[in-house]
C-alpha atoms as a PDB file:
ATOM      1  CA  MET A   1       7.648  -4.587  -4.873  1.00  0.00           C
ATOM      2  CA  ASP A   2       5.107  -6.666  -6.756  1.00  0.00           C
ATOM      3  CA  LEU A   3       1.484  -6.946  -5.644  1.00  0.00           C
ATOM      4  CA  ASP A   4       2.073 -10.240  -3.855  1.00  0.00           C
ATOM      5  CA  GLU A   5       4.846  -8.686  -1.743  1.00  0.00           C
ATOM      6  CA  VAL A   6       2.625  -5.730  -0.899  1.00  0.00           C
ATOM      7  CA  ALA A   7      -0.235  -8.068   0.022  1.00  0.00           C
ATOM      8  CA  ASN A   8       2.070 -10.013   2.312  1.00  0.00           C
ATOM      9  CA  THR A   9       3.320  -6.810   3.974  1.00  0.00           C
ATOM     10  CA  LEU A  10      -0.226  -5.554   4.573  1.00  0.00           C
ATOM     11  CA  SER A  11      -1.599  -9.009   5.462  1.00  0.00           C
ATOM     12  CA  VAL A  12      -4.341  -8.719   2.843  1.00  0.00           C
ATOM     13  CA  SER A  13      -5.136 -10.517  -0.394  1.00  0.00           C
ATOM     14  CA  ARG A  14      -3.570  -9.723  -3.743  1.00  0.00           C
ATOM     15  CA  ALA A  15      -7.040  -8.760  -4.985  1.00  0.00           C
ATOM     16  CA  GLN A  16      -7.347  -6.162  -2.228  1.00  0.00           C
ATOM     17  CA  VAL A  17      -3.987  -4.648  -3.168  1.00  0.00           C
ATOM     18  CA  TYR A  18      -5.015  -4.599  -6.831  1.00  0.00           C
ATOM     19  CA  ALA A  19      -8.213  -2.765  -5.872  1.00  0.00           C
ATOM     20  CA  LEU A  20      -6.177  -0.163  -3.961  1.00  0.00           C
ATOM     21  CA  VAL A  21      -3.993   0.342  -7.037  1.00  0.00           C
ATOM     22  CA  ARG A  22      -6.917   0.528  -9.471  1.00  0.00           C
ATOM     23  CA  THR A  23      -8.744   3.114  -7.340  1.00  0.00           C
ATOM     24  CA  GLY A  24      -5.587   5.220  -6.998  1.00  0.00           C
ATOM     25  CA  ARG A  25      -5.338   4.873  -3.212  1.00  0.00           C
ATOM     26  CA  LEU A  26      -1.968   3.122  -3.620  1.00  0.00           C
ATOM     27  CA  ARG A  27       0.471   4.483  -6.196  1.00  0.00           C
ATOM     28  CA  ALA A  28       1.897   1.908  -8.585  1.00  0.00           C
ATOM     29  CA  ILE A  29       3.296   1.615 -12.092  1.00  0.00           C
ATOM     30  CA  LYS A  30       2.554  -0.967 -14.750  1.00  0.00           C
ATOM     31  CA  ILE A  31       5.685  -2.391 -16.345  1.00  0.00           C
ATOM     32  CA  GLY A  32       6.268  -4.416 -19.475  1.00  0.00           C
ATOM     33  CA  GLY A  33       4.069  -5.993 -22.108  1.00  0.00           C
ATOM     34  CA  ARG A  34       2.373  -8.280 -19.602  1.00  0.00           C
ATOM     35  CA  GLY A  35       1.450  -5.313 -17.421  1.00  0.00           C
ATOM     36  CA  VAL A  36       3.106  -6.320 -14.162  1.00  0.00           C
ATOM     37  CA  TRP A  37       2.270  -3.868 -11.369  1.00  0.00           C
ATOM     38  CA  ARG A  38       5.083  -2.552  -9.164  1.00  0.00           C
ATOM     39  CA  VAL A  39       4.771  -0.484  -6.007  1.00  0.00           C
ATOM     40  CA  GLU A  40       7.714   1.550  -4.745  1.00  0.00           C
ATOM     41  CA  ARG A  41       8.504   0.952  -1.088  1.00  0.00           C
ATOM     42  CA  CYS A  42       8.170   4.697  -0.372  1.00  0.00           C
ATOM     43  CA  ALA A  43       4.656   4.667  -1.905  1.00  0.00           C
ATOM     44  CA  LEU A  44       3.684   1.769   0.367  1.00  0.00           C
ATOM     45  CA  GLU A  45       5.130   3.559   3.403  1.00  0.00           C
ATOM     46  CA  ALA A  46       3.171   6.716   2.484  1.00  0.00           C
ATOM     47  CA  PHE A  47      -0.021   4.651   2.148  1.00  0.00           C
ATOM     48  CA  ILE A  48       0.531   3.075   5.571  1.00  0.00           C
ATOM     49  CA  SER A  49       1.269   6.463   7.166  1.00  0.00           C
ATOM     50  CA  ALA A  50      -1.871   7.949   5.641  1.00  0.00           C
ATOM     51  CA  ALA A  51      -3.911   5.014   6.928  1.00  0.00           C
ATOM     52  CA  HIS A  52      -2.584   5.620  10.439  1.00  0.00           C
ATOM     53  CA  ALA A  53      -3.205   9.376  10.362  1.00  0.00           C
ATOM     54  CA  PRO A  54      -6.951   9.329  11.199  1.00  0.00           C
ATOM     55  CA  THR A  55      -6.394   7.040  14.188  1.00  0.00           C
ATOM     56  CA  ALA A  56      -3.271   8.795  15.438  1.00  0.00           C
ATOM     57  CA  ALA A  57      -4.972  12.038  16.470  1.00  0.00           C
ATOM     58  CA  GLY A  58      -4.165  12.689  20.093  1.00  0.00           C
ATOM     59  CA  ARG A  59      -1.828   9.727  20.431  1.00  0.00           C
ATOM     60  CA  ARG A  60       1.938   9.578  20.783  1.00  0.00           C
ATOM     61  CA  GLY A  61       3.926   6.557  19.661  1.00  0.00           C
ATOM     62  CA  CYS A  62       2.709   2.981  19.745  1.00  0.00           C
ATOM     63  CA  GLY A  63       1.688   3.135  23.397  1.00  0.00           C
ATOM     64  CA  GLY A  64      -0.948   5.816  22.920  1.00  0.00           C
END
């Protein structure tokens, strides 16, 4: 996925996704001479799961 696709999935700006990549919070690879960033879907899913972990303590499923 490119950064725009990730931004759309997370409902954030491209700049916010780029910041996550640059800080290492979201794994990505830089491809080609122009340096296009790509995020694997499994890396995005891991990021989302990790973001949910602190709020999921003591809860089961989406209903709480």
